[in-house]
N, C-alpha and C. Protein backbone atom coordinates (compact mmCIF):
# COMPACT_ATOMS: atom_id res chain seq x y z
N UNK A 1 -53.77 -48.03 249.30
CA UNK A 1 -54.38 -46.77 248.89
C UNK A 1 -53.36 -45.64 249.00
N UNK A 2 -53.32 -44.78 247.98
CA UNK A 2 -52.46 -43.60 248.05
C UNK A 2 -53.08 -42.56 248.98
N UNK A 3 -52.27 -42.08 249.91
CA UNK A 3 -52.72 -41.00 250.82
C UNK A 3 -52.13 -39.70 250.30
N UNK A 4 -53.01 -38.81 249.87
CA UNK A 4 -52.59 -37.59 249.18
C UNK A 4 -52.95 -36.36 250.00
N UNK A 5 -52.00 -35.42 250.11
CA UNK A 5 -52.28 -34.14 250.74
C UNK A 5 -52.38 -33.07 249.66
N UNK A 6 -53.39 -32.23 249.78
CA UNK A 6 -53.53 -31.04 248.95
C UNK A 6 -53.20 -29.84 249.83
N UNK A 7 -52.24 -29.04 249.41
CA UNK A 7 -51.86 -27.88 250.20
C UNK A 7 -51.50 -26.74 249.26
N UNK A 8 -51.18 -25.60 249.85
CA UNK A 8 -50.85 -24.41 249.07
C UNK A 8 -51.05 -23.19 249.94
N UNK A 9 -50.50 -22.09 249.52
CA UNK A 9 -50.62 -20.86 250.30
C UNK A 9 -52.04 -20.32 250.25
N UNK A 10 -52.30 -19.31 251.06
CA UNK A 10 -53.62 -18.69 251.12
C UNK A 10 -54.04 -18.19 249.73
N UNK A 11 -55.32 -18.41 249.40
CA UNK A 11 -55.94 -17.89 248.17
C UNK A 11 -55.29 -18.41 246.89
N UNK A 12 -54.81 -19.65 246.94
CA UNK A 12 -54.25 -20.25 245.71
C UNK A 12 -55.19 -21.31 245.13
N UNK A 13 -56.44 -21.33 245.58
CA UNK A 13 -57.43 -22.20 244.94
C UNK A 13 -57.60 -23.59 245.52
N UNK A 14 -57.16 -23.80 246.76
CA UNK A 14 -57.27 -25.14 247.36
C UNK A 14 -58.71 -25.64 247.42
N UNK A 15 -59.62 -24.77 247.86
CA UNK A 15 -61.03 -25.20 248.00
C UNK A 15 -61.64 -25.56 246.65
N UNK A 16 -61.32 -24.77 245.63
CA UNK A 16 -61.82 -25.05 244.28
C UNK A 16 -61.31 -26.40 243.78
N UNK A 17 -60.03 -26.64 243.99
CA UNK A 17 -59.42 -27.90 243.54
C UNK A 17 -59.98 -29.07 244.34
N UNK A 18 -60.15 -28.90 245.65
CA UNK A 18 -60.70 -29.97 246.48
C UNK A 18 -62.12 -30.32 246.01
N UNK A 19 -62.90 -29.29 245.69
CA UNK A 19 -64.27 -29.53 245.20
C UNK A 19 -64.24 -30.33 243.89
N UNK A 20 -63.24 -30.08 243.05
CA UNK A 20 -63.14 -30.82 241.79
C UNK A 20 -62.79 -32.29 242.06
N UNK A 21 -61.88 -32.53 243.00
CA UNK A 21 -61.59 -33.91 243.39
C UNK A 21 -62.88 -34.61 243.82
N UNK A 22 -63.65 -33.95 244.68
CA UNK A 22 -64.90 -34.54 245.17
C UNK A 22 -65.88 -34.80 244.03
N UNK A 23 -65.96 -33.85 243.08
CA UNK A 23 -66.87 -34.01 241.94
C UNK A 23 -66.47 -35.19 241.06
N UNK A 24 -65.18 -35.57 241.12
CA UNK A 24 -64.68 -36.70 240.35
C UNK A 24 -64.65 -37.99 241.21
N UNK A 25 -65.48 -38.00 242.25
CA UNK A 25 -65.67 -39.19 243.11
C UNK A 25 -64.44 -39.60 243.90
N UNK A 26 -63.57 -38.64 244.18
CA UNK A 26 -62.42 -38.90 245.05
C UNK A 26 -62.81 -38.53 246.48
N UNK A 27 -62.61 -39.40 247.47
CA UNK A 27 -62.91 -39.03 248.86
C UNK A 27 -62.03 -37.84 249.28
N UNK A 28 -62.66 -36.84 249.90
CA UNK A 28 -61.93 -35.63 250.29
C UNK A 28 -62.18 -35.28 251.75
N UNK A 29 -61.19 -34.62 252.32
CA UNK A 29 -61.24 -34.17 253.72
C UNK A 29 -60.66 -32.76 253.75
N UNK A 30 -61.32 -31.86 254.47
CA UNK A 30 -60.84 -30.49 254.61
C UNK A 30 -60.49 -30.21 256.06
N UNK A 31 -59.24 -29.83 256.31
CA UNK A 31 -58.83 -29.48 257.67
C UNK A 31 -59.62 -28.27 258.17
N UNK A 32 -59.91 -27.32 257.27
CA UNK A 32 -60.68 -26.14 257.67
C UNK A 32 -62.08 -26.53 258.14
N UNK A 33 -62.72 -27.46 257.41
CA UNK A 33 -64.05 -27.92 257.83
C UNK A 33 -63.97 -28.66 259.16
N UNK A 34 -62.89 -29.42 259.34
CA UNK A 34 -62.71 -30.13 260.61
C UNK A 34 -62.59 -29.14 261.76
N UNK A 35 -61.88 -28.04 261.54
CA UNK A 35 -61.75 -27.01 262.58
C UNK A 35 -63.11 -26.41 262.90
N UNK A 36 -63.91 -26.13 261.86
CA UNK A 36 -65.28 -25.61 262.09
C UNK A 36 -66.07 -26.56 262.99
N UNK A 37 -65.98 -27.87 262.71
CA UNK A 37 -66.69 -28.86 263.52
C UNK A 37 -66.16 -28.88 264.95
N UNK A 38 -64.84 -28.81 265.09
CA UNK A 38 -64.23 -28.83 266.43
C UNK A 38 -64.64 -27.58 267.22
N UNK A 39 -64.72 -26.45 266.53
CA UNK A 39 -65.08 -25.19 267.20
C UNK A 39 -66.55 -25.17 267.63
N UNK A 40 -67.32 -26.11 267.12
CA UNK A 40 -68.73 -26.21 267.53
C UNK A 40 -68.94 -27.32 268.55
N UNK A 41 -67.86 -28.03 268.91
CA UNK A 41 -68.02 -29.17 269.82
C UNK A 41 -66.78 -29.47 270.63
N UNK A 42 -66.01 -30.48 270.19
CA UNK A 42 -64.92 -31.01 271.02
C UNK A 42 -63.88 -30.01 271.50
N UNK A 43 -63.64 -28.93 270.74
CA UNK A 43 -62.56 -28.00 271.12
C UNK A 43 -63.04 -26.79 271.91
N UNK A 44 -64.35 -26.69 272.14
CA UNK A 44 -64.91 -25.48 272.77
C UNK A 44 -64.28 -25.21 274.14
N UNK A 45 -64.27 -26.22 274.99
CA UNK A 45 -63.74 -26.01 276.35
C UNK A 45 -62.25 -25.69 276.33
N UNK A 46 -61.51 -26.35 275.43
CA UNK A 46 -60.07 -26.10 275.33
C UNK A 46 -59.79 -24.65 274.93
N UNK A 47 -60.56 -24.15 273.95
CA UNK A 47 -60.35 -22.78 273.47
C UNK A 47 -60.75 -21.77 274.55
N UNK A 48 -61.85 -22.03 275.23
CA UNK A 48 -62.30 -21.10 276.28
C UNK A 48 -61.28 -21.02 277.41
N UNK A 49 -60.63 -22.16 277.72
CA UNK A 49 -59.60 -22.16 278.77
C UNK A 49 -58.42 -21.29 278.35
N UNK A 50 -58.02 -21.41 277.08
CA UNK A 50 -56.88 -20.63 276.58
C UNK A 50 -57.23 -19.16 276.36
N UNK A 51 -58.42 -18.92 275.80
CA UNK A 51 -58.82 -17.56 275.43
C UNK A 51 -60.21 -17.27 276.00
N UNK A 52 -60.29 -16.95 277.29
CA UNK A 52 -61.60 -16.67 277.91
C UNK A 52 -62.35 -15.59 277.14
N UNK A 53 -63.64 -15.87 276.86
CA UNK A 53 -64.45 -14.91 276.12
C UNK A 53 -64.54 -15.22 274.64
N UNK A 54 -63.76 -16.21 274.17
CA UNK A 54 -63.78 -16.54 272.74
C UNK A 54 -64.92 -17.49 272.39
N UNK A 55 -65.65 -17.97 273.41
CA UNK A 55 -66.78 -18.87 273.17
C UNK A 55 -68.09 -18.13 273.43
N UNK A 56 -69.00 -18.24 272.47
CA UNK A 56 -70.33 -17.61 272.62
C UNK A 56 -71.38 -18.60 272.17
N UNK A 57 -72.45 -18.71 272.96
CA UNK A 57 -73.57 -19.61 272.63
C UNK A 57 -73.09 -21.04 272.40
N UNK A 58 -72.11 -21.48 273.18
CA UNK A 58 -71.67 -22.87 273.14
C UNK A 58 -70.74 -23.24 272.00
N UNK A 59 -70.28 -22.25 271.25
CA UNK A 59 -69.35 -22.52 270.15
C UNK A 59 -68.26 -21.44 270.14
N UNK A 60 -67.13 -21.76 269.53
CA UNK A 60 -66.05 -20.78 269.40
C UNK A 60 -66.50 -19.69 268.43
N UNK A 61 -66.42 -18.45 268.88
CA UNK A 61 -66.73 -17.31 268.02
C UNK A 61 -65.43 -16.93 267.31
N UNK A 62 -65.39 -17.20 266.01
CA UNK A 62 -64.13 -17.02 265.27
C UNK A 62 -63.66 -15.56 265.26
N UNK A 63 -64.62 -14.63 265.24
CA UNK A 63 -64.22 -13.21 265.27
C UNK A 63 -63.58 -12.86 266.62
N UNK A 64 -64.18 -13.35 267.70
CA UNK A 64 -63.63 -13.08 269.03
C UNK A 64 -62.25 -13.72 269.18
N UNK A 65 -62.12 -14.94 268.67
CA UNK A 65 -60.84 -15.64 268.74
C UNK A 65 -59.80 -14.90 267.90
N UNK A 66 -60.21 -14.46 266.71
CA UNK A 66 -59.30 -13.73 265.84
C UNK A 66 -58.83 -12.43 266.50
N UNK A 67 -59.75 -11.75 267.20
CA UNK A 67 -59.40 -10.51 267.90
C UNK A 67 -58.40 -10.79 269.02
N UNK A 68 -58.63 -11.91 269.74
CA UNK A 68 -57.71 -12.27 270.83
C UNK A 68 -56.32 -12.58 270.28
N UNK A 69 -56.28 -13.29 269.15
CA UNK A 69 -54.99 -13.62 268.53
C UNK A 69 -54.33 -12.38 267.92
N UNK A 70 -55.16 -11.45 267.43
CA UNK A 70 -54.62 -10.21 266.89
C UNK A 70 -53.93 -9.39 267.97
N UNK A 71 -54.49 -9.46 269.18
CA UNK A 71 -53.90 -8.72 270.30
C UNK A 71 -52.62 -9.39 270.80
N UNK A 72 -52.56 -10.71 270.65
CA UNK A 72 -51.37 -11.46 271.11
C UNK A 72 -50.98 -12.50 270.05
N UNK A 73 -50.42 -12.05 268.92
CA UNK A 73 -50.11 -12.98 267.81
C UNK A 73 -49.19 -14.12 268.23
N UNK A 74 -48.36 -13.89 269.22
CA UNK A 74 -47.42 -14.93 269.67
C UNK A 74 -48.10 -16.14 270.27
N UNK A 75 -49.39 -16.01 270.60
CA UNK A 75 -50.10 -17.13 271.26
C UNK A 75 -50.74 -18.10 270.26
N UNK A 76 -50.58 -17.82 268.97
CA UNK A 76 -51.23 -18.71 267.98
C UNK A 76 -50.69 -20.14 268.11
N UNK A 77 -49.42 -20.27 268.50
CA UNK A 77 -48.84 -21.62 268.65
C UNK A 77 -49.54 -22.40 269.77
N UNK A 78 -50.01 -21.69 270.81
CA UNK A 78 -50.75 -22.36 271.89
C UNK A 78 -52.05 -22.96 271.36
N UNK A 79 -52.73 -22.18 270.51
CA UNK A 79 -53.98 -22.66 269.91
C UNK A 79 -53.69 -23.87 269.02
N UNK A 80 -52.63 -23.76 268.20
CA UNK A 80 -52.29 -24.84 267.28
C UNK A 80 -51.95 -26.13 268.03
N UNK A 81 -51.32 -25.99 269.20
CA UNK A 81 -50.94 -27.18 269.97
C UNK A 81 -52.14 -28.00 270.43
N UNK A 82 -53.28 -27.34 270.65
CA UNK A 82 -54.47 -28.10 271.06
C UNK A 82 -55.33 -28.51 269.87
N UNK A 83 -55.35 -27.67 268.82
CA UNK A 83 -56.25 -27.95 267.68
C UNK A 83 -55.65 -28.96 266.70
N UNK A 84 -54.37 -28.81 266.38
CA UNK A 84 -53.78 -29.67 265.34
C UNK A 84 -53.88 -31.17 265.64
N UNK A 85 -53.64 -31.63 266.89
CA UNK A 85 -53.79 -33.07 267.14
C UNK A 85 -55.22 -33.56 266.89
N UNK A 86 -56.21 -32.73 267.21
CA UNK A 86 -57.61 -33.13 266.97
C UNK A 86 -57.91 -33.20 265.47
N UNK A 87 -57.37 -32.25 264.72
CA UNK A 87 -57.56 -32.25 263.26
C UNK A 87 -56.89 -33.49 262.65
N UNK A 88 -55.70 -33.80 263.14
CA UNK A 88 -54.96 -34.98 262.65
C UNK A 88 -55.73 -36.27 262.92
N UNK A 89 -56.30 -36.36 264.11
CA UNK A 89 -57.07 -37.56 264.48
C UNK A 89 -58.25 -37.76 263.52
N UNK A 90 -58.95 -36.67 263.19
CA UNK A 90 -60.06 -36.74 262.24
C UNK A 90 -59.55 -37.15 260.86
N UNK A 91 -58.39 -36.63 260.48
CA UNK A 91 -57.81 -36.95 259.17
C UNK A 91 -57.47 -38.43 259.07
N UNK A 92 -56.86 -38.98 260.11
CA UNK A 92 -56.51 -40.40 260.10
C UNK A 92 -57.76 -41.27 260.02
N UNK A 93 -58.81 -40.89 260.76
CA UNK A 93 -60.08 -41.64 260.70
C UNK A 93 -60.64 -41.61 259.28
N UNK A 94 -60.58 -40.44 258.64
CA UNK A 94 -61.07 -40.30 257.27
C UNK A 94 -60.29 -41.22 256.32
N UNK A 95 -58.97 -41.20 256.41
CA UNK A 95 -58.14 -42.02 255.52
C UNK A 95 -58.41 -43.51 255.73
N UNK A 96 -58.54 -43.91 256.99
CA UNK A 96 -58.80 -45.33 257.29
C UNK A 96 -60.14 -45.76 256.69
N UNK A 97 -61.15 -44.88 256.79
CA UNK A 97 -62.47 -45.20 256.21
C UNK A 97 -62.39 -45.32 254.70
N UNK A 98 -61.68 -44.38 254.06
CA UNK A 98 -61.56 -44.40 252.59
C UNK A 98 -60.86 -45.68 252.13
N UNK A 99 -59.83 -46.08 252.88
CA UNK A 99 -59.11 -47.30 252.51
C UNK A 99 -60.00 -48.52 252.69
N UNK A 100 -60.75 -48.55 253.79
CA UNK A 100 -61.66 -49.68 254.05
C UNK A 100 -62.72 -49.79 252.96
N UNK A 101 -63.10 -48.65 252.38
CA UNK A 101 -64.11 -48.64 251.32
C UNK A 101 -63.53 -49.01 249.95
N UNK A 102 -62.20 -49.20 249.89
CA UNK A 102 -61.58 -49.68 248.67
C UNK A 102 -61.20 -48.63 247.64
N UNK A 103 -61.07 -47.37 248.06
CA UNK A 103 -60.70 -46.31 247.10
C UNK A 103 -59.23 -46.42 246.71
N UNK A 104 -58.93 -46.00 245.48
CA UNK A 104 -57.54 -46.04 244.99
C UNK A 104 -56.68 -44.98 245.68
N UNK A 105 -57.30 -43.81 245.91
CA UNK A 105 -56.60 -42.76 246.66
C UNK A 105 -57.63 -41.83 247.28
N UNK A 106 -57.18 -41.09 248.28
CA UNK A 106 -58.03 -40.11 248.97
C UNK A 106 -57.20 -38.87 249.23
N UNK A 107 -57.89 -37.73 249.33
CA UNK A 107 -57.20 -36.45 249.42
C UNK A 107 -57.59 -35.69 250.68
N UNK A 108 -56.58 -35.23 251.39
CA UNK A 108 -56.80 -34.37 252.55
C UNK A 108 -56.27 -32.97 252.24
N UNK A 109 -57.11 -31.97 252.41
CA UNK A 109 -56.65 -30.58 252.26
C UNK A 109 -56.12 -30.11 253.61
N UNK A 110 -54.82 -29.87 253.66
CA UNK A 110 -54.16 -29.39 254.89
C UNK A 110 -53.43 -28.10 254.53
N UNK A 111 -54.04 -26.93 254.77
CA UNK A 111 -53.41 -25.67 254.32
C UNK A 111 -51.98 -25.47 254.81
N UNK A 112 -51.70 -25.81 256.06
CA UNK A 112 -50.36 -25.57 256.61
C UNK A 112 -49.56 -26.88 256.70
N UNK A 113 -49.73 -27.74 255.69
CA UNK A 113 -49.07 -29.05 255.74
C UNK A 113 -47.56 -28.93 255.89
N UNK A 114 -46.90 -28.12 255.09
CA UNK A 114 -45.44 -28.02 255.16
C UNK A 114 -44.99 -27.37 256.47
N UNK A 115 -45.84 -26.47 256.98
CA UNK A 115 -45.48 -25.77 258.21
C UNK A 115 -45.72 -26.63 259.46
N UNK A 116 -46.74 -27.49 259.42
CA UNK A 116 -47.14 -28.20 260.65
C UNK A 116 -47.39 -29.69 260.46
N UNK A 117 -47.22 -30.20 259.24
CA UNK A 117 -47.73 -31.54 258.92
C UNK A 117 -46.76 -32.69 259.07
N UNK A 118 -45.70 -32.51 259.82
CA UNK A 118 -44.67 -33.56 259.91
C UNK A 118 -45.23 -34.88 260.44
N UNK A 119 -46.32 -34.83 261.20
CA UNK A 119 -46.84 -36.05 261.83
C UNK A 119 -47.82 -36.81 260.93
N UNK A 120 -48.06 -36.31 259.72
CA UNK A 120 -48.94 -37.03 258.80
C UNK A 120 -48.15 -38.05 258.00
N UNK A 121 -48.78 -39.21 257.77
CA UNK A 121 -48.16 -40.24 256.93
C UNK A 121 -48.77 -40.11 255.53
N UNK A 122 -47.96 -39.65 254.57
CA UNK A 122 -48.48 -39.24 253.26
C UNK A 122 -47.66 -39.88 252.14
N UNK A 123 -48.34 -40.21 251.04
CA UNK A 123 -47.65 -40.77 249.87
C UNK A 123 -47.34 -39.71 248.80
N UNK A 124 -48.27 -38.77 248.60
CA UNK A 124 -48.11 -37.77 247.54
C UNK A 124 -48.57 -36.41 248.04
N UNK A 125 -47.93 -35.36 247.51
CA UNK A 125 -48.32 -33.99 247.86
C UNK A 125 -48.68 -33.23 246.59
N UNK A 126 -49.87 -32.63 246.58
CA UNK A 126 -50.32 -31.77 245.48
C UNK A 126 -50.35 -30.34 246.00
N UNK A 127 -49.72 -29.43 245.26
CA UNK A 127 -49.65 -28.03 245.69
C UNK A 127 -50.37 -27.14 244.67
N UNK A 128 -51.30 -26.30 245.18
CA UNK A 128 -51.90 -25.27 244.34
C UNK A 128 -51.02 -24.02 244.42
N UNK A 129 -50.97 -23.30 243.31
CA UNK A 129 -50.19 -22.06 243.31
C UNK A 129 -50.79 -21.11 242.30
N UNK A 130 -50.45 -19.84 242.41
CA UNK A 130 -50.90 -18.86 241.42
C UNK A 130 -49.94 -17.68 241.43
N UNK A 131 -50.12 -16.83 240.45
CA UNK A 131 -49.31 -15.62 240.36
C UNK A 131 -49.46 -14.81 241.67
N UNK A 132 -48.36 -14.36 242.27
CA UNK A 132 -48.45 -13.65 243.56
C UNK A 132 -49.35 -12.43 243.54
N UNK A 133 -49.41 -11.73 242.42
CA UNK A 133 -50.28 -10.55 242.35
C UNK A 133 -51.75 -10.96 242.38
N UNK A 134 -52.07 -12.06 241.69
CA UNK A 134 -53.45 -12.60 241.73
C UNK A 134 -53.78 -13.04 243.15
N UNK A 135 -52.82 -13.67 243.80
CA UNK A 135 -53.02 -14.11 245.19
C UNK A 135 -53.38 -12.92 246.08
N UNK A 136 -52.61 -11.84 245.97
CA UNK A 136 -52.87 -10.65 246.80
C UNK A 136 -54.26 -10.08 246.51
N UNK A 137 -54.62 -10.02 245.24
CA UNK A 137 -55.94 -9.49 244.87
C UNK A 137 -57.05 -10.35 245.49
N UNK A 138 -56.90 -11.67 245.41
CA UNK A 138 -57.92 -12.57 245.96
C UNK A 138 -58.05 -12.39 247.46
N UNK A 139 -56.91 -12.33 248.16
CA UNK A 139 -56.96 -12.23 249.62
C UNK A 139 -57.56 -10.90 250.05
N UNK A 140 -57.11 -9.83 249.44
CA UNK A 140 -57.55 -8.50 249.86
C UNK A 140 -59.02 -8.24 249.51
N UNK A 141 -59.60 -9.07 248.64
CA UNK A 141 -61.03 -8.96 248.32
C UNK A 141 -61.89 -9.61 249.40
N UNK A 142 -61.27 -10.34 250.33
CA UNK A 142 -62.03 -11.02 251.38
C UNK A 142 -62.50 -10.02 252.43
N UNK A 143 -63.70 -10.24 252.98
CA UNK A 143 -64.23 -9.31 254.00
C UNK A 143 -63.29 -9.22 255.20
N UNK A 144 -63.02 -8.01 255.64
CA UNK A 144 -62.21 -7.82 256.86
C UNK A 144 -60.72 -8.00 256.68
N UNK A 145 -60.28 -8.28 255.45
CA UNK A 145 -58.85 -8.50 255.22
C UNK A 145 -58.14 -7.17 255.02
N UNK A 146 -56.95 -7.06 255.59
CA UNK A 146 -56.12 -5.87 255.42
C UNK A 146 -54.75 -6.29 254.91
N UNK A 147 -53.98 -5.34 254.41
CA UNK A 147 -52.62 -5.62 253.95
C UNK A 147 -51.79 -6.16 255.12
N UNK A 148 -52.01 -5.58 256.32
CA UNK A 148 -51.24 -6.01 257.51
C UNK A 148 -51.55 -7.47 257.85
N UNK A 149 -52.85 -7.81 257.82
CA UNK A 149 -53.24 -9.20 258.12
C UNK A 149 -52.63 -10.16 257.10
N UNK A 150 -52.69 -9.75 255.82
CA UNK A 150 -52.14 -10.59 254.76
C UNK A 150 -50.64 -10.80 254.97
N UNK A 151 -49.93 -9.72 255.28
CA UNK A 151 -48.48 -9.84 255.48
C UNK A 151 -48.16 -10.77 256.66
N UNK A 152 -48.99 -10.70 257.71
CA UNK A 152 -48.78 -11.58 258.87
C UNK A 152 -49.00 -13.04 258.46
N UNK A 153 -50.07 -13.28 257.71
CA UNK A 153 -50.38 -14.65 257.25
C UNK A 153 -49.24 -15.19 256.38
N UNK A 154 -48.81 -14.37 255.42
CA UNK A 154 -47.74 -14.83 254.50
C UNK A 154 -46.42 -15.06 255.24
N UNK A 155 -46.19 -14.28 256.30
CA UNK A 155 -44.94 -14.44 257.05
C UNK A 155 -44.89 -15.78 257.77
N UNK A 156 -46.06 -16.38 258.00
CA UNK A 156 -46.13 -17.67 258.70
C UNK A 156 -46.22 -18.85 257.73
N UNK A 157 -46.28 -18.55 256.44
CA UNK A 157 -46.40 -19.62 255.44
C UNK A 157 -45.11 -19.72 254.62
N UNK A 158 -44.76 -20.95 254.31
CA UNK A 158 -43.64 -21.20 253.41
C UNK A 158 -43.93 -20.53 252.06
N UNK A 159 -42.92 -20.02 251.40
CA UNK A 159 -43.11 -19.35 250.12
C UNK A 159 -43.68 -20.32 249.08
N UNK A 160 -44.48 -19.78 248.14
CA UNK A 160 -45.09 -20.62 247.10
C UNK A 160 -44.03 -21.44 246.34
N UNK A 161 -42.92 -20.80 245.99
CA UNK A 161 -41.89 -21.51 245.21
C UNK A 161 -41.33 -22.69 245.97
N UNK A 162 -41.17 -22.52 247.27
CA UNK A 162 -40.64 -23.61 248.11
C UNK A 162 -41.64 -24.77 248.17
N UNK A 163 -42.92 -24.45 248.28
CA UNK A 163 -43.96 -25.49 248.30
C UNK A 163 -43.97 -26.26 246.98
N UNK A 164 -43.88 -25.51 245.88
CA UNK A 164 -43.88 -26.17 244.56
C UNK A 164 -42.68 -27.11 244.42
N UNK A 165 -41.55 -26.70 244.97
CA UNK A 165 -40.34 -27.52 244.86
C UNK A 165 -40.48 -28.83 245.63
N UNK A 166 -41.34 -28.86 246.63
CA UNK A 166 -41.53 -30.06 247.46
C UNK A 166 -42.70 -30.93 247.00
N UNK A 167 -43.42 -30.47 245.98
CA UNK A 167 -44.64 -31.16 245.56
C UNK A 167 -44.36 -32.32 244.61
N UNK A 168 -45.25 -33.31 244.62
CA UNK A 168 -45.24 -34.36 243.59
C UNK A 168 -46.01 -33.89 242.36
N UNK A 169 -47.05 -33.10 242.59
CA UNK A 169 -47.86 -32.53 241.51
C UNK A 169 -48.20 -31.09 241.87
N UNK A 170 -48.29 -30.22 240.86
CA UNK A 170 -48.70 -28.84 241.10
C UNK A 170 -49.88 -28.49 240.21
N UNK A 171 -50.71 -27.56 240.71
CA UNK A 171 -51.87 -27.10 239.94
C UNK A 171 -51.85 -25.57 239.96
N UNK A 172 -51.69 -24.99 238.77
CA UNK A 172 -51.66 -23.54 238.62
C UNK A 172 -53.10 -23.04 238.50
N UNK A 173 -53.51 -22.17 239.43
CA UNK A 173 -54.89 -21.65 239.42
C UNK A 173 -54.95 -20.19 238.99
N UNK A 174 -53.89 -19.73 238.31
CA UNK A 174 -53.85 -18.32 237.89
C UNK A 174 -54.83 -18.00 236.78
N UNK A 175 -55.20 -19.01 235.99
CA UNK A 175 -56.04 -18.78 234.81
C UNK A 175 -57.52 -18.82 235.10
N UNK A 176 -58.29 -19.23 234.10
CA UNK A 176 -59.75 -19.30 234.25
C UNK A 176 -60.14 -20.53 235.08
N UNK A 177 -61.39 -20.58 235.48
CA UNK A 177 -61.90 -21.75 236.20
C UNK A 177 -61.76 -23.01 235.34
N UNK A 178 -62.01 -22.89 234.04
CA UNK A 178 -61.86 -24.04 233.13
C UNK A 178 -60.42 -24.54 233.11
N UNK A 179 -59.48 -23.59 233.12
CA UNK A 179 -58.06 -23.97 233.16
C UNK A 179 -57.75 -24.77 234.43
N UNK A 180 -58.24 -24.25 235.55
CA UNK A 180 -57.98 -24.90 236.84
C UNK A 180 -58.57 -26.31 236.87
N UNK A 181 -59.79 -26.44 236.36
CA UNK A 181 -60.44 -27.76 236.32
C UNK A 181 -59.64 -28.72 235.44
N UNK A 182 -59.17 -28.23 234.29
CA UNK A 182 -58.39 -29.08 233.39
C UNK A 182 -57.08 -29.52 234.05
N UNK A 183 -56.41 -28.59 234.73
CA UNK A 183 -55.16 -28.95 235.44
C UNK A 183 -55.45 -30.00 236.52
N UNK A 184 -56.56 -29.79 237.25
CA UNK A 184 -56.91 -30.71 238.34
C UNK A 184 -57.24 -32.09 237.80
N UNK A 185 -58.02 -32.14 236.71
CA UNK A 185 -58.37 -33.43 236.12
C UNK A 185 -57.13 -34.20 235.66
N UNK A 186 -56.14 -33.47 235.14
CA UNK A 186 -54.89 -34.13 234.71
C UNK A 186 -54.17 -34.73 235.90
N UNK A 187 -54.19 -34.01 237.03
CA UNK A 187 -53.54 -34.54 238.24
C UNK A 187 -54.31 -35.74 238.78
N UNK A 188 -55.64 -35.68 238.72
CA UNK A 188 -56.46 -36.83 239.17
C UNK A 188 -56.11 -38.07 238.36
N UNK A 189 -56.00 -37.91 237.05
CA UNK A 189 -55.64 -39.06 236.19
C UNK A 189 -54.25 -39.59 236.55
N UNK A 190 -53.32 -38.69 236.80
CA UNK A 190 -51.96 -39.10 237.15
C UNK A 190 -51.96 -39.86 238.47
N UNK A 191 -52.73 -39.38 239.44
CA UNK A 191 -52.78 -40.05 240.75
C UNK A 191 -53.44 -41.42 240.63
N UNK A 192 -54.49 -41.50 239.79
CA UNK A 192 -55.14 -42.81 239.60
C UNK A 192 -54.13 -43.81 239.01
N UNK A 193 -53.35 -43.35 238.04
CA UNK A 193 -52.33 -44.21 237.43
C UNK A 193 -51.28 -44.63 238.45
N UNK A 194 -50.86 -43.68 239.30
CA UNK A 194 -49.84 -43.99 240.32
C UNK A 194 -50.40 -44.97 241.35
N UNK A 195 -51.68 -44.82 241.67
CA UNK A 195 -52.30 -45.72 242.67
C UNK A 195 -52.38 -47.14 242.13
N UNK A 196 -52.49 -47.29 240.81
CA UNK A 196 -52.63 -48.62 240.21
C UNK A 196 -51.27 -49.26 239.95
N UNK A 197 -50.22 -48.47 239.94
CA UNK A 197 -48.91 -49.01 239.54
C UNK A 197 -48.24 -49.77 240.69
């Protein structure tokens, strides 16, 4: 089975593309969803130990955690050191299940794959990208987002051009939703062909 990673910078359409893979009967995994699950269970005690007060009503309060990290941005690596191994473990379980079920390929969405994904065993990388001005518009339209927050996020992410250069397949999401779906479907067909070869 081909093990495929879907990645890309913030607001380049990863979730939309992942949903299209799922709609085309491709098994999918989202690292962001895995983090949500971990923040409601297995990672609660770990986060509370690192950032006292970030847990409310038995789950990690993302706003409180974000505020704590905003006050001490240098500590984000401490959080990543405890969360990333748990996310990876869930990803490996997902891939093993998909392979056992006989799928030709399966897709994991890992937003920071190039930045943190060295420990993943992967066959193909798909990168979403879009015009940088469209990216900024999308991000700044999000609730609570500021130019400063965006600049901090982008400073921690590999540049879009660099990600595209490392990809096996790219999907441009700058156009309409129909354009994005058409690009994604073409990549799905290419991956199916590669899985069979």
